[in-house]
Protein backbone atom coordinates (compact mmCIF):
# COMPACT_ATOMS: atom_id res chain seq x y z
CA MET A 1 0.27 -0.03 0.00
CA ALA A 2 1.75 3.70 -1.25
CA SER A 3 1.38 6.35 1.73
CA THR A 4 1.64 9.12 1.62
CA CYS A 5 5.36 11.62 1.76
CA ARG A 6 4.98 15.50 0.46
CA GLY A 7 6.15 15.67 -2.40
CA ALA A 8 6.41 11.94 -3.98
CA LEU A 9 4.82 8.69 -2.35
CA SER A 10 6.54 6.11 -0.55
CA VAL A 11 6.18 2.22 -0.14
CA GLN A 12 7.77 2.64 2.86
CA GLY A 13 5.59 3.91 5.59
CA SER A 14 4.55 7.82 5.73
CA CYS A 15 6.74 10.37 5.69
CA ASP A 16 6.88 14.11 5.47
CA VAL A 17 9.68 16.46 3.20
CA GLN A 18 9.78 19.92 4.76
CA VAL A 19 11.89 22.08 2.09
CA ARG A 20 12.53 25.88 2.49
CA PHE A 21 14.85 27.49 0.04
CA ILE A 22 16.56 30.57 1.38
CA ALA A 23 18.65 32.77 -1.22
CA PRO A 24 22.50 33.83 0.15
CA PRO A 25 23.21 37.34 0.44
CA GLU A 26 22.72 38.98 -3.40
CA VAL A 27 26.96 39.11 -3.07
CA LEU A 28 27.18 35.14 -2.20
CA ARG A 29 24.65 34.16 -5.09
CA ARG A 30 26.82 33.73 -8.31
CA TYR A 31 29.08 31.33 -6.50
CA PHE A 32 26.20 28.76 -4.83
CA THR A 33 23.23 26.89 -6.20
CA SER A 34 21.05 27.59 -3.50
CA PHE A 35 21.01 27.25 0.62
CA TYR A 36 17.76 25.07 1.59
CA PHE A 37 16.90 23.52 4.66
CA ALA A 38 15.01 20.26 5.01
CA GLU A 39 13.13 18.12 7.94
CA ILE A 40 12.77 14.70 6.91
CA THR A 41 10.22 13.12 8.96
CA PRO A 42 9.61 8.96 7.75
CA ALA A 43 7.08 6.71 9.71
CA PRO A 44 8.70 5.71 12.82
CA GLY A 45 11.39 3.53 13.20
CA GLU A 46 11.87 3.69 9.31
CA MET A 47 14.24 5.08 7.24
CA THR A 48 13.60 6.94 3.85
CA VAL A 49 15.38 5.74 1.14
CA ASP A 50 16.88 8.31 -2.28
CA PHE A 51 18.81 8.70 -4.54
CA LEU A 52 21.10 11.76 -4.53
CA GLN A 53 21.10 12.84 -9.08
CA PRO A 54 24.69 13.88 -10.09
CA GLU A 55 25.54 17.60 -8.95
CA TRP A 56 27.66 20.12 -8.51
CA GLY A 57 29.82 19.91 -4.92
CA ASN A 58 27.29 19.29 -1.75
CA LEU A 59 28.81 20.40 1.51
CA ARG A 60 25.19 18.89 3.77
CA PHE A 61 24.74 19.27 7.48
CA PHE A 62 22.04 17.02 9.37
CA SER A 63 20.85 17.28 13.38
CA GLY A 64 18.83 14.12 14.44
CA ASP A 65 19.35 10.92 12.73
CA LEU A 66 22.02 10.61 10.78
CA PRO A 67 22.43 9.49 7.16
CA GLN A 68 24.10 6.41 6.18
CA ALA A 69 25.34 6.22 2.10
CA GLU A 70 26.40 4.78 -0.47
CA THR A 71 28.43 5.03 -4.10
CA ARG A 72 28.34 2.88 -6.51
CA ASP A 73 32.33 0.94 -6.15
CA GLY A 74 30.80 0.00 -2.95
CA ARG A 75 32.53 3.05 -0.22
CA ARG A 76 29.42 4.11 2.22
CA LEU A 77 30.22 6.37 5.15
CA SER A 78 27.31 7.04 7.98
CA GLY A 79 27.38 8.52 11.23
CA THR A 80 28.71 11.86 10.17
CA THR A 81 26.71 15.62 11.10
CA PHE A 82 28.86 16.65 7.73
CA SER A 83 28.87 15.50 4.35
CA ALA A 84 30.37 16.56 1.72
CA THR A 85 30.86 15.41 -1.98
CA GLY A 86 32.95 17.01 -4.68
CA PRO A 87 31.36 17.35 -8.12
CA SER A 88 28.99 13.92 -9.42
CA SER A 89 28.32 12.02 -12.26
CA GLN A 90 26.90 9.02 -10.54
CA ALA A 91 24.34 8.57 -8.02
CA VAL A 92 24.40 8.07 -4.51
CA ARG A 93 21.80 5.74 -2.59
CA PHE A 94 21.14 6.81 0.95
CA SER A 95 18.85 6.49 3.71
CA VAL A 96 18.05 8.23 6.99
CA GLY A 97 15.61 8.89 9.46
CA ALA A 98 13.78 11.73 10.82
CA THR A 99 16.06 14.30 10.70
CA ARG A 100 17.76 18.22 10.62
CA LEU A 101 19.30 19.29 7.12
CA TRP A 102 21.11 21.73 5.59
CA GLY A 103 21.71 21.29 1.98
CA ILE A 104 25.21 23.95 1.16
CA GLY A 105 25.43 23.47 -3.46
CA LEU A 106 28.10 24.97 -4.89
CA LEU A 107 28.01 26.09 -7.82
CA PRO A 108 32.05 25.90 -9.92
CA LEU A 109 32.39 28.72 -9.56
CA GLY A 110 31.81 28.88 -5.75
CA TRP A 111 33.93 25.63 -5.64
CA ALA A 112 37.19 27.28 -6.82
CA LYS A 113 36.51 30.10 -4.83
CA PHE A 114 35.36 27.98 -1.56
CA VAL A 115 37.88 24.58 -1.99
CA ARG A 116 40.18 25.19 -3.67
CA ALA A 117 41.73 21.50 -4.52
CA GLU A 118 41.09 20.88 -8.18
CA ALA A 119 37.44 19.96 -8.36
CA VAL A 120 38.35 16.71 -10.32
CA THR A 121 40.51 15.19 -7.87
CA LEU A 122 37.37 14.76 -6.21
CA ALA A 123 35.10 14.19 -9.19
CA ASN A 124 32.62 11.61 -7.24
CA VAL A 125 34.07 11.60 -4.18
CA LEU A 126 32.04 11.08 -1.41
CA ALA A 127 34.30 12.50 2.63
CA ASP A 128 33.27 13.16 5.95
CA GLY A 129 33.78 16.77 6.47
CA HIS A 130 34.98 16.35 9.85
CA ASN A 131 37.92 13.60 7.91
CA HIS A 132 38.83 15.48 5.27
CA ALA A 133 41.83 17.49 4.49
CA ASP A 134 40.29 19.61 1.19
CA PHE A 135 37.13 20.68 3.40
CA ALA A 136 38.21 21.79 7.00
CA CYS A 137 38.00 25.20 6.17
CA PHE A 138 34.25 24.32 6.08
CA ARG A 139 34.69 22.53 9.83
CA PRO A 140 33.61 26.07 12.18
CA LEU A 141 30.69 26.10 10.53
CA ALA A 142 29.43 21.79 11.39
CA GLU A 143 30.23 22.87 14.41
CA THR A 144 28.37 25.65 15.08
CA LEU A 145 26.00 26.00 12.93
CA PHE A 146 22.43 23.75 15.24
CA ALA A 147 22.20 24.96 18.64
CA ALA A 148 20.26 23.39 21.33
CA GLN A 149 16.63 25.31 19.89
CA PRO A 150 16.41 25.07 16.43
CA ASP A 151 16.30 28.15 14.73
CA VAL A 152 16.00 27.93 11.02
CA GLU A 153 16.62 32.18 10.13
CA ALA A 154 19.61 31.86 12.85
CA GLU A 155 21.12 29.27 11.42
CA PHE A 156 20.62 31.07 7.87
CA ALA A 157 23.16 33.65 8.95
CA ARG A 158 25.57 31.55 10.82
CA ILE A 159 25.94 30.03 7.11
CA ALA A 160 25.60 33.91 5.34
CA ALA A 161 28.47 35.53 7.78
CA HIS A 162 31.00 32.26 6.88
CA PHE A 163 30.77 32.77 3.32
CA LEU A 164 31.39 36.27 3.51
CA GLY A 165 33.56 36.29 5.58
CA ARG A 166 35.38 34.66 2.68
CA VAL A 167 34.06 36.37 0.39
CA ALA A 168 36.71 38.81 -0.90
CA GLU A 169 39.43 35.87 -2.18
CA PRO A 170 39.90 35.87 -5.07
CA VAL A 171 39.07 33.23 -8.03
CA PRO A 172 42.01 31.97 -11.06
CA ASP A 173 40.80 31.49 -13.95
CA GLU A 174 36.86 33.56 -12.74
CA ASP A 175 35.67 34.77 -16.27
CA ARG A 176 36.50 31.55 -17.99
CA ILE A 177 34.84 28.86 -15.44
CA LEU A 178 31.52 32.04 -15.62
CA ALA A 179 31.40 31.57 -19.83
CA ILE A 180 32.74 28.00 -19.13
CA HIS A 181 29.55 27.57 -17.32
CA GLU A 182 27.43 29.85 -19.45
CA ALA A 183 27.67 26.97 -22.67
CA LEU A 184 27.46 24.45 -20.55
CA VAL A 185 23.59 25.47 -19.86
CA ASP A 186 22.86 26.33 -23.04
CA PRO A 187 20.29 23.63 -24.55
CA GLU A 188 22.22 24.76 -28.02
CA ILE A 189 25.12 23.79 -27.05
CA HIS A 190 25.91 19.59 -28.12
CA SER A 191 29.90 19.37 -28.74
CA VAL A 192 33.32 20.49 -27.00
CA THR A 193 33.09 21.97 -30.80
CA ALA A 194 31.00 24.46 -30.36
CA LEU A 195 31.41 24.46 -26.70
CA VAL A 196 35.50 25.61 -26.79
CA GLU A 197 33.73 28.42 -29.70
CA ARG A 198 31.46 29.80 -27.24
CA VAL A 199 33.85 30.40 -24.56
CA GLY A 200 37.17 30.96 -26.52
CA GLY A 201 40.35 29.91 -25.87
CA SER A 202 42.06 26.45 -27.39
CA PRO A 203 40.75 23.25 -26.84
CA ARG A 204 43.42 22.16 -24.15
CA THR A 205 43.00 25.48 -21.90
CA VAL A 206 38.93 25.13 -21.32
CA GLU A 207 39.09 20.77 -20.93
CA ARG A 208 42.47 22.66 -18.20
CA VAL A 209 39.67 25.06 -16.54
CA CYS A 210 36.81 22.92 -16.60
CA ARG A 211 38.62 19.81 -14.67
CA ARG A 212 39.57 22.25 -12.11
CA ALA A 213 36.71 23.87 -11.53
CA PHE A 214 33.54 21.84 -12.31
CA GLY A 215 35.43 18.20 -12.01
CA PHE A 216 35.08 16.71 -14.99
CA ALA A 217 36.75 16.63 -18.96
CA PRO A 218 33.94 19.17 -21.24
CA LYS A 219 32.76 16.18 -22.93
CA LEU A 220 31.92 14.06 -20.54
CA LEU A 221 29.68 17.47 -18.85
CA LEU A 222 27.54 18.34 -21.79
CA ARG A 223 26.94 15.05 -21.59
CA ARG A 224 25.57 15.03 -17.59
CA GLN A 225 23.79 17.93 -19.05
CA ARG A 226 21.60 16.62 -21.60
CA PHE A 227 21.25 13.63 -19.42
CA MET A 228 19.71 15.85 -16.44
CA ARG A 229 17.11 18.28 -17.83
CA SER A 230 16.36 15.16 -19.71
CA LEU A 231 15.90 13.05 -16.29
CA ALA A 232 14.16 16.86 -14.35
CA GLN A 233 11.71 16.65 -16.73
CA PHE A 234 10.47 13.55 -15.92
CA ILE A 235 10.18 13.69 -12.53
CA LEU A 236 8.30 17.12 -12.31
CA ASP A 237 5.62 15.31 -14.71
CA PRO A 238 5.93 10.95 -14.84
CA THR A 239 3.13 10.93 -17.20
CA ILE A 240 4.92 12.81 -20.67
CA ARG A 241 7.24 8.85 -19.60
CA TRP A 242 10.33 8.60 -20.75
CA SER A 243 10.43 9.99 -24.14
CA GLY A 244 8.56 12.52 -23.22
CA ALA A 245 11.35 13.57 -21.62
CA MET A 246 14.18 12.59 -23.73
CA ASP A 247 16.47 15.84 -24.23
CA GLY A 248 16.74 16.10 -27.69
CA SER A 249 19.99 16.01 -28.53
CA TYR A 250 19.98 12.72 -27.92
CA TYR A 251 20.60 10.33 -31.14
CA ASP A 252 17.64 7.39 -29.81
CA GLN A 253 16.23 6.12 -26.74
CA ALA A 254 19.70 3.37 -26.71
CA GLN A 255 21.89 6.52 -26.51
CA PHE A 256 19.60 8.25 -23.30
CA VAL A 257 19.36 4.23 -21.29
CA ARG A 258 23.21 3.97 -22.28
CA ASP A 259 24.12 7.35 -20.53
CA CYS A 260 21.13 6.04 -17.56
CA LYS A 261 22.84 2.97 -17.10
CA GLU A 262 26.52 5.53 -16.60
CA PHE A 263 25.13 7.97 -14.43
CA MET A 264 22.00 6.89 -11.96
CA GLY A 265 23.65 3.44 -11.98
CA MET A 266 19.85 1.34 -13.82
CA THR A 267 17.94 1.85 -16.64
CA PRO A 268 15.13 4.10 -16.97
CA ARG A 269 12.52 1.84 -16.02
CA GLN A 270 14.62 0.55 -13.16
CA TYR A 271 14.84 4.07 -11.21
CA ALA A 272 10.97 5.43 -12.47
CA ALA A 273 9.90 1.89 -10.87
CA LEU A 274 11.39 3.99 -7.27
CA ASP A 275 10.17 5.88 -4.70
CA LYS A 276 11.68 8.65 -4.69
CA PRO A 277 10.31 10.91 -1.99
CA VAL A 278 13.58 13.62 -0.33
CA LEU A 279 15.13 13.78 -4.38
CA SER A 280 11.46 14.81 -5.87
CA ALA A 281 10.54 16.89 -3.00
CA ILE A 282 13.64 18.89 -3.57
CA MET A 283 13.51 18.84 -6.87
CA ARG A 284 9.46 20.22 -7.61
CA GLU A 285 9.93 22.89 -4.82
CA ARG A 286 13.10 24.10 -6.74
CA ALA A 287 11.35 23.83 -9.66
CA ARG A 288 8.49 26.79 -8.26
CA ILE A 289 10.18 29.19 -7.61
CA SER A 290 13.39 28.67 -9.65
CA GLY A 291 12.09 27.32 -13.34
CA ALA A 292 15.89 24.63 -12.72
CA ALA A 293 14.39 21.19 -11.20
CA ALA A 294 18.30 20.35 -10.12
CA GLN A 295 21.03 22.07 -9.69
CA THR A 296 23.10 21.30 -12.34
CA LEU A 297 20.77 23.40 -14.77
CA ASP A 298 21.66 26.66 -12.83
CA GLY A 299 22.79 28.87 -15.16
CA PRO A 300 26.29 31.21 -13.20
CA GLY A 301 24.16 33.39 -11.38
CA GLY A 302 23.44 30.40 -9.34
CA SER A 303 18.87 29.65 -8.49
CA ALA A 304 15.95 32.73 -8.37
CA VAL A 305 15.20 31.67 -5.26
CA GLY A 306 13.62 33.58 -2.90
CA SER A 307 13.37 33.18 1.06
């Protein structure tokens, strides 16, 4: 028997997912996809299971039941209040009980500014932020974010203050990162050749910047964008089926199926059959207030979320 979950259906029992997106201060918006707060409340004694989709780098902070996550190659993470991920091209399975969650999505420009480690070295990495050297600069935030009494506004203020304290730090190749990002989110840019022509400079330079700030080579980034446009369309309206959600740049359905297997680790049919209680709620709310259901579809200015 299916049960109710705000934003999705779950066969695991009743589950409520409350999501609130809060726009970063104006001076920070070009660095982040969004700041969001979520409260996940499964039925007593149950765990909610879902899959993180391919995305940019993220910082997530938890208060309550702590999640368990597993990558496709079997790496596992559990028992931490601060999980950090690099840019990803593979889905991550997670389960969590009742918890409060703050998520911070880093745009490529934000990664280059605030993380500094080359994104390619942390691509598809799932880390305990308390222990990973490349995320050490965020530990003070992790240690002070939650107080004894839950207070969303105060917690948001602490997040904003942390990043405002670093806003003057320079970003190498800033203009080129922004130009590449702008080209990646343009659905008319289908090839590496077209991307390089749009951005300017040599193919080698564009690839170097992509690997350092975006985590992957340009060809994979373009494939991921094409797939995520399709996946977001399906999540928002499953009634159109995959054939209606497929991006127009796919040659045929077989090519889309191959991408789904590579990025999600399963066929489109298998993914469609899964419950998506957390991601569906977040994506629908995100699309409602900003127009982009997935953070990978945000332009270089970040999402236009309001508070």
